[in-house]
């Protein structure tokens, strides 16, 4: 009797988290994890906000007693050329890079809603007047 029960297949337990691919960007988002799930809330550290883009690889936590409340915790990072201790914040074509000995800004830079160029130009004009 006990040998016949040992050969029975027990259902495999699902993991508490899974990788998925964003199908509908935004917050809430849609994610494919074998099947598509929609209306997933996006979570991030305090003070930081982001919206996943279609095609992003994301980590989905299956919250709730039965995993019925999945949510997105983050995206697979592309650290590429980063050295230990360096940070890159990227959004679209803009980026902030904090390196070992330098700070780089890429994209259009605005200061209080005005381009940096116009702010500097107004300072120079007022100094020369």
C-alpha atoms as a PDB file:
ATOM      1  CA  UNK A   1       0.000   0.000   0.000  1.00  0.00           C
ATOM      2  CA  UNK A   2       2.656   2.553   0.973  1.00  0.00           C
ATOM      3  CA  UNK A   3       4.644   1.873  -2.218  1.00  0.00           C
ATOM      4  CA  UNK A   4       1.665   2.705  -4.412  1.00  0.00           C
ATOM      5  CA  UNK A   5       1.196   6.020  -2.594  1.00  0.00           C
ATOM      6  CA  UNK A   6       4.865   6.890  -2.985  1.00  0.00           C
ATOM      7  CA  UNK A   7       4.601   6.685  -6.765  1.00  0.00           C
ATOM      8  CA  UNK A   8       1.684   9.137  -6.886  1.00  0.00           C
ATOM      9  CA  UNK A   9       2.604  12.500  -8.343  1.00  0.00           C
ATOM     10  CA  UNK A  10       2.264  15.276  -5.830  1.00  0.00           C
ATOM     11  CA  UNK A  11       1.388  18.702  -7.224  1.00  0.00           C
ATOM     12  CA  UNK A  12       4.418  20.920  -7.577  1.00  0.00           C
ATOM     13  CA  UNK A  13       4.234  24.032  -5.446  1.00  0.00           C
ATOM     14  CA  UNK A  14       4.481  27.347  -7.286  1.00  0.00           C
ATOM     15  CA  UNK A  15       7.282  29.718  -6.299  1.00  0.00           C
ATOM     16  CA  UNK A  16       6.547  32.917  -4.405  1.00  0.00           C
ATOM     17  CA  UNK A  17       8.093  35.000  -7.211  1.00  0.00           C
ATOM     18  CA  UNK A  18       8.537  34.600 -10.953  1.00  0.00           C
ATOM     19  CA  UNK A  19      10.173  36.418 -13.854  1.00  0.00           C
ATOM     20  CA  UNK A  20       7.832  37.765 -16.490  1.00  0.00           C
ATOM     21  CA  UNK A  21       7.797  40.033 -19.540  1.00  0.00           C
ATOM     22  CA  UNK A  22       5.756  43.236 -19.544  1.00  0.00           C
ATOM     23  CA  UNK A  23       3.068  43.145 -22.240  1.00  0.00           C
ATOM     24  CA  UNK A  24       1.251  46.376 -21.289  1.00  0.00           C
ATOM     25  CA  UNK A  25       3.471  49.090 -19.843  1.00  0.00           C
ATOM     26  CA  UNK A  26       2.420  51.485 -17.100  1.00  0.00           C
ATOM     27  CA  UNK A  27       1.043  51.133 -13.589  1.00  0.00           C
ATOM     28  CA  UNK A  28      -0.929  48.938 -13.381  1.00  0.00           C
ATOM     29  CA  UNK A  29       0.813  46.778 -15.960  1.00  0.00           C
ATOM     30  CA  UNK A  30       0.237  43.549 -17.874  1.00  0.00           C
ATOM     31  CA  UNK A  31       2.809  40.762 -17.587  1.00  0.00           C
ATOM     32  CA  UNK A  32       3.239  37.438 -19.359  1.00  0.00           C
ATOM     33  CA  UNK A  33       4.331  34.588 -17.069  1.00  0.00           C
ATOM     34  CA  UNK A  34       3.208  31.579 -19.052  1.00  0.00           C
ATOM     35  CA  UNK A  35      -0.177  33.307 -19.304  1.00  0.00           C
ATOM     36  CA  UNK A  36      -0.880  37.028 -19.283  1.00  0.00           C
ATOM     37  CA  UNK A  37      -1.863  38.728 -16.020  1.00  0.00           C
ATOM     38  CA  UNK A  38      -3.205  42.279 -16.097  1.00  0.00           C
ATOM     39  CA  UNK A  39      -3.641  45.044 -13.543  1.00  0.00           C
ATOM     40  CA  UNK A  40      -0.440  44.280 -11.639  1.00  0.00           C
ATOM     41  CA  UNK A  41       0.526  47.076  -9.260  1.00  0.00           C
ATOM     42  CA  UNK A  42       4.111  48.335  -9.569  1.00  0.00           C
ATOM     43  CA  UNK A  43       6.158  48.790  -6.364  1.00  0.00           C
ATOM     44  CA  UNK A  44       9.478  50.592  -5.906  1.00  0.00           C
ATOM     45  CA  UNK A  45      11.599  52.013  -3.067  1.00  0.00           C
ATOM     46  CA  UNK A  46      10.247  55.101  -1.310  1.00  0.00           C
ATOM     47  CA  UNK A  47      10.744  58.341  -3.210  1.00  0.00           C
ATOM     48  CA  UNK A  48      11.396  56.555  -6.497  1.00  0.00           C
ATOM     49  CA  UNK A  49       8.730  56.031  -9.169  1.00  0.00           C
ATOM     50  CA  UNK A  50       8.916  54.193 -12.475  1.00  0.00           C
ATOM     51  CA  UNK A  51       6.622  52.674 -15.050  1.00  0.00           C
ATOM     52  CA  UNK A  52       7.676  49.474 -16.786  1.00  0.00           C
ATOM     53  CA  UNK A  53       7.745  49.463 -20.581  1.00  0.00           C
ATOM     54  CA  UNK A  54       6.448  46.674 -22.807  1.00  0.00           C
ATOM     55  CA  UNK A  55       9.257  44.154 -23.254  1.00  0.00           C
ATOM     56  CA  UNK A  56      10.893  44.770 -19.837  1.00  0.00           C
ATOM     57  CA  UNK A  57      11.846  41.661 -17.859  1.00  0.00           C
ATOM     58  CA  UNK A  58      10.338  42.061 -14.373  1.00  0.00           C
ATOM     59  CA  UNK A  59      10.203  40.250 -11.042  1.00  0.00           C
ATOM     60  CA  UNK A  60       6.620  39.454 -10.028  1.00  0.00           C
ATOM     61  CA  UNK A  61       5.843  38.660  -6.393  1.00  0.00           C
ATOM     62  CA  UNK A  62       2.827  36.403  -5.927  1.00  0.00           C
ATOM     63  CA  UNK A  63       1.361  38.035  -2.823  1.00  0.00           C
ATOM     64  CA  UNK A  64      -1.616  36.796  -0.816  1.00  0.00           C
ATOM     65  CA  UNK A  65      -2.198  33.394   0.805  1.00  0.00           C
ATOM     66  CA  UNK A  66      -2.712  31.686  -2.571  1.00  0.00           C
ATOM     67  CA  UNK A  67      -0.619  34.048  -4.711  1.00  0.00           C
ATOM     68  CA  UNK A  68      -3.804  35.711  -5.957  1.00  0.00           C
ATOM     69  CA  UNK A  69      -2.406  39.271  -5.740  1.00  0.00           C
ATOM     70  CA  UNK A  70       0.667  39.443  -7.978  1.00  0.00           C
ATOM     71  CA  UNK A  71       2.647  42.688  -8.101  1.00  0.00           C
ATOM     72  CA  UNK A  72       5.776  43.929  -9.883  1.00  0.00           C
ATOM     73  CA  UNK A  73       8.794  44.546  -7.635  1.00  0.00           C
ATOM     74  CA  UNK A  74      11.437  45.570 -10.136  1.00  0.00           C
ATOM     75  CA  UNK A  75      13.096  45.012 -13.464  1.00  0.00           C
ATOM     76  CA  UNK A  76      16.144  43.012 -14.470  1.00  0.00           C
ATOM     77  CA  UNK A  77      18.984  45.514 -14.382  1.00  0.00           C
ATOM     78  CA  UNK A  78      21.408  46.255 -17.154  1.00  0.00           C
ATOM     79  CA  UNK A  79      24.522  47.169 -15.172  1.00  0.00           C
ATOM     80  CA  UNK A  80      26.777  46.506 -18.160  1.00  0.00           C
ATOM     81  CA  UNK A  81      29.818  48.691 -17.618  1.00  0.00           C
ATOM     82  CA  UNK A  82      29.098  49.776 -14.019  1.00  0.00           C
ATOM     83  CA  UNK A  83      31.869  49.315 -11.473  1.00  0.00           C
ATOM     84  CA  UNK A  84      31.134  48.510  -7.804  1.00  0.00           C
ATOM     85  CA  UNK A  85      29.558  51.524  -6.090  1.00  0.00           C
ATOM     86  CA  UNK A  86      28.476  53.257  -9.305  1.00  0.00           C
ATOM     87  CA  UNK A  87      24.844  54.134 -10.032  1.00  0.00           C
ATOM     88  CA  UNK A  88      22.922  54.896 -13.223  1.00  0.00           C
ATOM     89  CA  UNK A  89      19.361  56.209 -13.294  1.00  0.00           C
ATOM     90  CA  UNK A  90      17.908  55.994 -16.772  1.00  0.00           C
ATOM     91  CA  UNK A  91      14.596  56.988 -18.276  1.00  0.00           C
ATOM     92  CA  UNK A  92      14.139  57.013 -22.036  1.00  0.00           C
ATOM     93  CA  UNK A  93      17.075  58.886 -23.586  1.00  0.00           C
ATOM     94  CA  UNK A  94      18.044  60.704 -20.356  1.00  0.00           C
ATOM     95  CA  UNK A  95      20.390  59.402 -17.677  1.00  0.00           C
ATOM     96  CA  UNK A  96      22.204  60.372 -14.501  1.00  0.00           C
ATOM     97  CA  UNK A  97      25.454  58.528 -13.873  1.00  0.00           C
ATOM     98  CA  UNK A  98      27.246  58.651 -10.509  1.00  0.00           C
ATOM     99  CA  UNK A  99      30.722  57.254 -11.098  1.00  0.00           C
ATOM    100  CA  UNK A 100      33.771  56.677  -8.949  1.00  0.00           C
ATOM    101  CA  UNK A 101      35.047  60.205  -9.615  1.00  0.00           C
ATOM    102  CA  UNK A 102      32.496  61.919 -11.854  1.00  0.00           C
ATOM    103  CA  UNK A 103      28.843  62.825 -12.340  1.00  0.00           C
ATOM    104  CA  UNK A 104      27.386  62.667 -15.859  1.00  0.00           C
ATOM    105  CA  UNK A 105      24.046  63.980 -17.060  1.00  0.00           C
ATOM    106  CA  UNK A 106      22.744  63.066 -20.507  1.00  0.00           C
ATOM    107  CA  UNK A 107      19.659  64.427 -22.228  1.00  0.00           C
ATOM    108  CA  UNK A 108      18.152  67.913 -22.035  1.00  0.00           C
ATOM    109  CA  UNK A 109      18.783  69.597 -18.684  1.00  0.00           C
ATOM    110  CA  UNK A 110      16.130  71.856 -17.165  1.00  0.00           C
ATOM    111  CA  UNK A 111      16.291  74.063 -14.094  1.00  0.00           C
ATOM    112  CA  UNK A 112      12.931  75.137 -12.685  1.00  0.00           C
ATOM    113  CA  UNK A 113      11.245  74.422 -16.020  1.00  0.00           C
ATOM    114  CA  UNK A 114      13.799  76.338 -18.110  1.00  0.00           C
ATOM    115  CA  UNK A 115      16.616  74.892 -20.189  1.00  0.00           C
ATOM    116  CA  UNK A 116      20.035  75.227 -18.600  1.00  0.00           C
ATOM    117  CA  UNK A 117      21.179  77.084 -21.714  1.00  0.00           C
ATOM    118  CA  UNK A 118      18.538  79.824 -21.223  1.00  0.00           C
ATOM    119  CA  UNK A 119      19.340  80.148 -17.500  1.00  0.00           C
ATOM    120  CA  UNK A 120      23.081  80.567 -18.192  1.00  0.00           C
ATOM    121  CA  UNK A 121      22.370  82.970 -21.086  1.00  0.00           C
ATOM    122  CA  UNK A 122      20.218  85.186 -18.831  1.00  0.00           C
ATOM    123  CA  UNK A 123      22.968  85.216 -16.167  1.00  0.00           C
ATOM    124  CA  UNK A 124      25.610  86.200 -18.718  1.00  0.00           C
ATOM    125  CA  UNK A 125      23.370  88.934 -20.215  1.00  0.00           C
ATOM    126  CA  UNK A 126      22.689  90.381 -16.727  1.00  0.00           C
ATOM    127  CA  UNK A 127      26.431  90.356 -15.905  1.00  0.00           C
ATOM    128  CA  UNK A 128      27.339  92.115 -19.166  1.00  0.00           C
ATOM    129  CA  UNK A 129      24.575  94.738 -18.907  1.00  0.00           C
END
